[in-house]
Amino acid sequence: DQLKDIFPKLCVIHGTSDKTVPVEEAIEFLSLLSNLQIPALSKMYPGWSHTDPILEKPMLGNHLYHRDVYELVRRWTGGRSTKTDDGIEFYNCNTERDSEHKSENAETIGIVDVPPKAAEGDFNLTPFDETHSILRPICPKTLVEIARVCNPF
């Protein structure tokens, strides 16, 4: 019980085609957390490599990983901030809301499962804007595929 109380909120995020850190490592870690009764979320990206979330997918305009991490921040902080006198913002967790979304046995679940109505009306952080111009593809698919051949990860 003591471990559960001191562990931060966890989400194991992994690509199923990762050759640098095989997905079995993530599954084993989730199993260990479950055995220790430490709640954890997980998100597996089918067919994604070690670098897909930060290189190949964003180059092609796919920001699923970034959206998922952003939504975790929204969920775990309750989306509310508190500013100090020196302008630093701190976010407070809403443990009651979080407990509704915990996986008791660290099973694989989707990240973005906060009901849209609750997410829009309940948070100060705006929803992830997938239409923002900065999220456009920045590299032709052919170049990304060539780079994938050269990429050792």
C-alpha atoms as a PDB file:
ATOM      1  CA  ASP A   1       0.000   0.000   0.000  1.00  0.00           C
ATOM      2  CA  GLN A   2       2.835   2.424   0.724  1.00  0.00           C
ATOM      3  CA  LEU A   3       4.226   2.188  -2.828  1.00  0.00           C
ATOM      4  CA  LYS A   4       0.831   3.008  -4.286  1.00  0.00           C
ATOM      5  CA  ASP A   5       0.686   6.161  -2.184  1.00  0.00           C
ATOM      6  CA  ILE A   6       4.103   7.512  -3.210  1.00  0.00           C
ATOM      7  CA  PHE A   7       4.106   6.645  -6.925  1.00  0.00           C
ATOM      8  CA  PRO A   8       3.167   9.432  -9.304  1.00  0.00           C
ATOM      9  CA  LYS A   9       0.451   8.941 -11.875  1.00  0.00           C
ATOM     10  CA  LEU A  10       1.777   6.629 -14.572  1.00  0.00           C
ATOM     11  CA  CYS A  11       1.070   6.004 -18.209  1.00  0.00           C
ATOM     12  CA  VAL A  12       3.300   3.611 -20.101  1.00  0.00           C
ATOM     13  CA  ILE A  13       3.383   4.708 -23.734  1.00  0.00           C
ATOM     14  CA  HIS A  14       4.994   2.436 -26.313  1.00  0.00           C
ATOM     15  CA  GLY A  15       5.131   1.586 -29.998  1.00  0.00           C
ATOM     16  CA  THR A  16       4.510  -2.066 -30.820  1.00  0.00           C
ATOM     17  CA  SER A  17       7.273  -2.102 -33.474  1.00  0.00           C
ATOM     18  CA  ASP A  18       9.954  -0.524 -31.286  1.00  0.00           C
ATOM     19  CA  LYS A  19      13.257  -2.351 -31.886  1.00  0.00           C
ATOM     20  CA  THR A  20      15.272  -0.170 -29.472  1.00  0.00           C
ATOM     21  CA  VAL A  21      13.113  -1.010 -26.448  1.00  0.00           C
ATOM     22  CA  PRO A  22      10.928  -4.005 -27.334  1.00  0.00           C
ATOM     23  CA  VAL A  23       7.248  -3.695 -26.443  1.00  0.00           C
ATOM     24  CA  GLU A  24       7.630  -6.764 -24.217  1.00  0.00           C
ATOM     25  CA  GLU A  25       9.608  -4.550 -21.813  1.00  0.00           C
ATOM     26  CA  ALA A  26       6.631  -2.208 -21.451  1.00  0.00           C
ATOM     27  CA  ILE A  27       4.267  -5.147 -20.953  1.00  0.00           C
ATOM     28  CA  GLU A  28       6.572  -6.630 -18.315  1.00  0.00           C
ATOM     29  CA  PHE A  29       6.753  -3.264 -16.521  1.00  0.00           C
ATOM     30  CA  LEU A  30       2.961  -2.967 -16.551  1.00  0.00           C
ATOM     31  CA  SER A  31       2.703  -6.474 -15.122  1.00  0.00           C
ATOM     32  CA  LEU A  32       5.138  -5.565 -12.350  1.00  0.00           C
ATOM     33  CA  LEU A  33       3.141  -2.449 -11.508  1.00  0.00           C
ATOM     34  CA  SER A  34      -0.038  -4.496 -11.436  1.00  0.00           C
ATOM     35  CA  ASN A  35       1.557  -7.084  -9.119  1.00  0.00           C
ATOM     36  CA  LEU A  36       2.563  -4.227  -6.804  1.00  0.00           C
ATOM     37  CA  GLN A  37      -1.000  -2.859  -7.027  1.00  0.00           C
ATOM     38  CA  ILE A  38       0.257   0.418  -8.473  1.00  0.00           C
ATOM     39  CA  PRO A  39      -2.380   1.873 -10.800  1.00  0.00           C
ATOM     40  CA  ALA A  40      -1.172   2.671 -14.307  1.00  0.00           C
ATOM     41  CA  LEU A  41      -2.563   3.540 -17.692  1.00  0.00           C
ATOM     42  CA  SER A  42      -1.032   2.368 -20.916  1.00  0.00           C
ATOM     43  CA  LYS A  43      -1.200   3.338 -24.534  1.00  0.00           C
ATOM     44  CA  MET A  44       0.262   1.136 -27.256  1.00  0.00           C
ATOM     45  CA  TYR A  45       0.688   2.547 -30.747  1.00  0.00           C
ATOM     46  CA  PRO A  46       0.338  -0.306 -33.259  1.00  0.00           C
ATOM     47  CA  GLY A  47       3.212  -0.423 -35.754  1.00  0.00           C
ATOM     48  CA  TRP A  48       5.066   2.550 -34.264  1.00  0.00           C
ATOM     49  CA  SER A  49       8.843   2.432 -33.810  1.00  0.00           C
ATOM     50  CA  HIS A  50      10.980   4.063 -31.128  1.00  0.00           C
ATOM     51  CA  THR A  51      11.215   7.338 -33.054  1.00  0.00           C
ATOM     52  CA  ASP A  52       7.772   7.475 -34.683  1.00  0.00           C
ATOM     53  CA  PRO A  53       6.224   9.679 -31.945  1.00  0.00           C
ATOM     54  CA  ILE A  54       8.944  12.344 -32.164  1.00  0.00           C
ATOM     55  CA  LEU A  55      10.238  12.136 -35.748  1.00  0.00           C
ATOM     56  CA  GLU A  56       8.444  10.243 -38.477  1.00  0.00           C
ATOM     57  CA  LYS A  57       4.820  10.809 -37.467  1.00  0.00           C
ATOM     58  CA  PRO A  58       5.142  14.566 -36.747  1.00  0.00           C
ATOM     59  CA  MET A  59       7.034  15.037 -40.038  1.00  0.00           C
ATOM     60  CA  LEU A  60       3.941  13.623 -41.747  1.00  0.00           C
ATOM     61  CA  GLY A  61       1.564  15.769 -39.677  1.00  0.00           C
ATOM     62  CA  ASN A  62       0.469  12.973 -37.333  1.00  0.00           C
ATOM     63  CA  HIS A  63       0.438  14.324 -33.771  1.00  0.00           C
ATOM     64  CA  LEU A  64      -1.533  11.550 -32.075  1.00  0.00           C
ATOM     65  CA  TYR A  65       1.222  11.052 -29.496  1.00  0.00           C
ATOM     66  CA  HIS A  66       1.326  14.775 -28.667  1.00  0.00           C
ATOM     67  CA  ARG A  67      -2.453  14.916 -28.364  1.00  0.00           C
ATOM     68  CA  ASP A  68      -2.470  11.892 -26.054  1.00  0.00           C
ATOM     69  CA  VAL A  69       0.206  13.369 -23.758  1.00  0.00           C
ATOM     70  CA  TYR A  70      -1.623  16.703 -23.743  1.00  0.00           C
ATOM     71  CA  GLU A  71      -4.866  14.969 -22.776  1.00  0.00           C
ATOM     72  CA  LEU A  72      -3.058  13.150 -19.944  1.00  0.00           C
ATOM     73  CA  VAL A  73      -1.826  16.499 -18.625  1.00  0.00           C
ATOM     74  CA  ARG A  74      -5.374  17.868 -18.833  1.00  0.00           C
ATOM     75  CA  ARG A  75      -6.775  14.861 -16.994  1.00  0.00           C
ATOM     76  CA  TRP A  76      -4.139  14.608 -14.296  1.00  0.00           C
ATOM     77  CA  THR A  77      -4.038  18.304 -13.517  1.00  0.00           C
ATOM     78  CA  GLY A  78      -7.753  18.853 -13.780  1.00  0.00           C
ATOM     79  CA  GLY A  79      -6.850  21.480 -16.331  1.00  0.00           C
ATOM     80  CA  ARG A  80      -6.804  24.168 -13.672  1.00  0.00           C
ATOM     81  CA  SER A  81      -3.806  26.312 -12.861  1.00  0.00           C
ATOM     82  CA  THR A  82      -2.880  28.471  -9.918  1.00  0.00           C
ATOM     83  CA  LYS A  83      -0.511  31.397 -10.467  1.00  0.00           C
ATOM     84  CA  THR A  84       1.878  32.472  -7.742  1.00  0.00           C
ATOM     85  CA  ASP A  85       2.940  36.081  -7.173  1.00  0.00           C
ATOM     86  CA  ASP A  86       6.028  35.531  -9.330  1.00  0.00           C
ATOM     87  CA  GLY A  87       3.929  34.224 -12.246  1.00  0.00           C
ATOM     88  CA  ILE A  88       4.788  30.523 -11.908  1.00  0.00           C
ATOM     89  CA  GLU A  89       1.824  28.279 -12.619  1.00  0.00           C
ATOM     90  CA  PHE A  90       1.102  25.117 -10.649  1.00  0.00           C
ATOM     91  CA  TYR A  91      -1.528  22.582 -11.652  1.00  0.00           C
ATOM     92  CA  ASN A  92      -3.587  20.706  -9.099  1.00  0.00           C
ATOM     93  CA  CYS A  93      -4.651  17.105  -9.604  1.00  0.00           C
ATOM     94  CA  ASN A  94      -8.303  16.223  -9.266  1.00  0.00           C
ATOM     95  CA  THR A  95      -7.976  12.760  -7.739  1.00  0.00           C
ATOM     96  CA  GLU A  96     -11.707  12.096  -7.750  1.00  0.00           C
ATOM     97  CA  ARG A  97     -11.885  12.542 -11.529  1.00  0.00           C
ATOM     98  CA  ASP A  98      -8.639  10.580 -12.015  1.00  0.00           C
ATOM     99  CA  SER A  99      -9.895   7.604 -10.014  1.00  0.00           C
ATOM    100  CA  GLU A 100     -12.679   7.124 -12.565  1.00  0.00           C
ATOM    101  CA  HIS A 101     -10.090   6.560 -15.301  1.00  0.00           C
ATOM    102  CA  LYS A 102      -7.489   4.427 -13.519  1.00  0.00           C
ATOM    103  CA  SER A 103      -6.843   0.930 -14.701  1.00  0.00           C
ATOM    104  CA  GLU A 104      -6.934  -1.362 -11.680  1.00  0.00           C
ATOM    105  CA  ASN A 105      -4.688  -3.969 -13.283  1.00  0.00           C
ATOM    106  CA  ALA A 106      -2.612  -1.759 -15.593  1.00  0.00           C
ATOM    107  CA  GLU A 107      -4.532  -2.992 -18.579  1.00  0.00           C
ATOM    108  CA  THR A 108      -4.145  -1.390 -21.977  1.00  0.00           C
ATOM    109  CA  ILE A 109      -6.768   1.299 -22.424  1.00  0.00           C
ATOM    110  CA  GLY A 110      -7.241   4.348 -24.618  1.00  0.00           C
ATOM    111  CA  ILE A 111      -5.959   7.663 -23.363  1.00  0.00           C
ATOM    112  CA  VAL A 112      -8.608  10.009 -24.648  1.00  0.00           C
ATOM    113  CA  ASP A 113     -11.602   8.592 -22.821  1.00  0.00           C
ATOM    114  CA  VAL A 114     -12.723  11.697 -20.954  1.00  0.00           C
ATOM    115  CA  PRO A 115     -16.237  12.397 -22.229  1.00  0.00           C
ATOM    116  CA  PRO A 116     -16.035  15.347 -24.671  1.00  0.00           C
ATOM    117  CA  LYS A 117     -18.776  17.318 -22.883  1.00  0.00           C
ATOM    118  CA  ALA A 118     -16.960  17.031 -19.550  1.00  0.00           C
ATOM    119  CA  ALA A 119     -13.614  17.893 -21.138  1.00  0.00           C
ATOM    120  CA  GLU A 120     -14.958  21.056 -22.776  1.00  0.00           C
ATOM    121  CA  GLY A 121     -16.924  22.327 -19.798  1.00  0.00           C
ATOM    122  CA  ASP A 122     -14.690  21.164 -16.996  1.00  0.00           C
ATOM    123  CA  PHE A 123     -11.192  22.330 -17.911  1.00  0.00           C
ATOM    124  CA  ASN A 124      -9.430  25.632 -18.295  1.00  0.00           C
ATOM    125  CA  LEU A 125      -6.854  24.097 -20.657  1.00  0.00           C
ATOM    126  CA  THR A 126      -8.260  24.140 -24.148  1.00  0.00           C
ATOM    127  CA  PRO A 127      -8.654  20.880 -26.078  1.00  0.00           C
ATOM    128  CA  PHE A 128      -5.768  19.890 -28.335  1.00  0.00           C
ATOM    129  CA  ASP A 129      -6.209  21.781 -31.598  1.00  0.00           C
ATOM    130  CA  GLU A 130      -5.409  19.324 -34.386  1.00  0.00           C
ATOM    131  CA  THR A 131      -6.150  22.014 -36.978  1.00  0.00           C
ATOM    132  CA  HIS A 132      -3.381  24.352 -35.806  1.00  0.00           C
ATOM    133  CA  SER A 133      -1.088  25.314 -38.696  1.00  0.00           C
ATOM    134  CA  ILE A 134       2.055  24.195 -36.869  1.00  0.00           C
ATOM    135  CA  LEU A 135       0.792  20.594 -36.991  1.00  0.00           C
ATOM    136  CA  ARG A 136       0.866  20.366 -40.774  1.00  0.00           C
ATOM    137  CA  PRO A 137       3.106  17.835 -42.565  1.00  0.00           C
ATOM    138  CA  ILE A 138       6.584  19.276 -43.031  1.00  0.00           C
ATOM    139  CA  CYS A 139       8.232  16.559 -45.076  1.00  0.00           C
ATOM    140  CA  PRO A 140       7.162  14.506 -48.107  1.00  0.00           C
ATOM    141  CA  LYS A 141       6.213  10.923 -47.268  1.00  0.00           C
ATOM    142  CA  THR A 142       8.861   9.589 -49.660  1.00  0.00           C
ATOM    143  CA  LEU A 143      11.630  11.303 -47.692  1.00  0.00           C
ATOM    144  CA  VAL A 144      10.265   9.989 -44.407  1.00  0.00           C
ATOM    145  CA  GLU A 145      10.253   6.435 -45.822  1.00  0.00           C
ATOM    146  CA  ILE A 146      13.859   6.832 -47.065  1.00  0.00           C
ATOM    147  CA  ALA A 147      14.906   8.154 -43.644  1.00  0.00           C
ATOM    148  CA  ARG A 148      13.189   5.169 -41.995  1.00  0.00           C
ATOM    149  CA  VAL A 149      15.542   2.847 -43.905  1.00  0.00           C
ATOM    150  CA  CYS A 150      18.563   4.784 -42.606  1.00  0.00           C
ATOM    151  CA  ASN A 151      17.186   5.131 -39.067  1.00  0.00           C
ATOM    152  CA  PRO A 152      18.795   2.570 -36.726  1.00  0.00           C
ATOM    153  CA  PHE A 153      15.939   2.748 -34.218  1.00  0.00           C
END
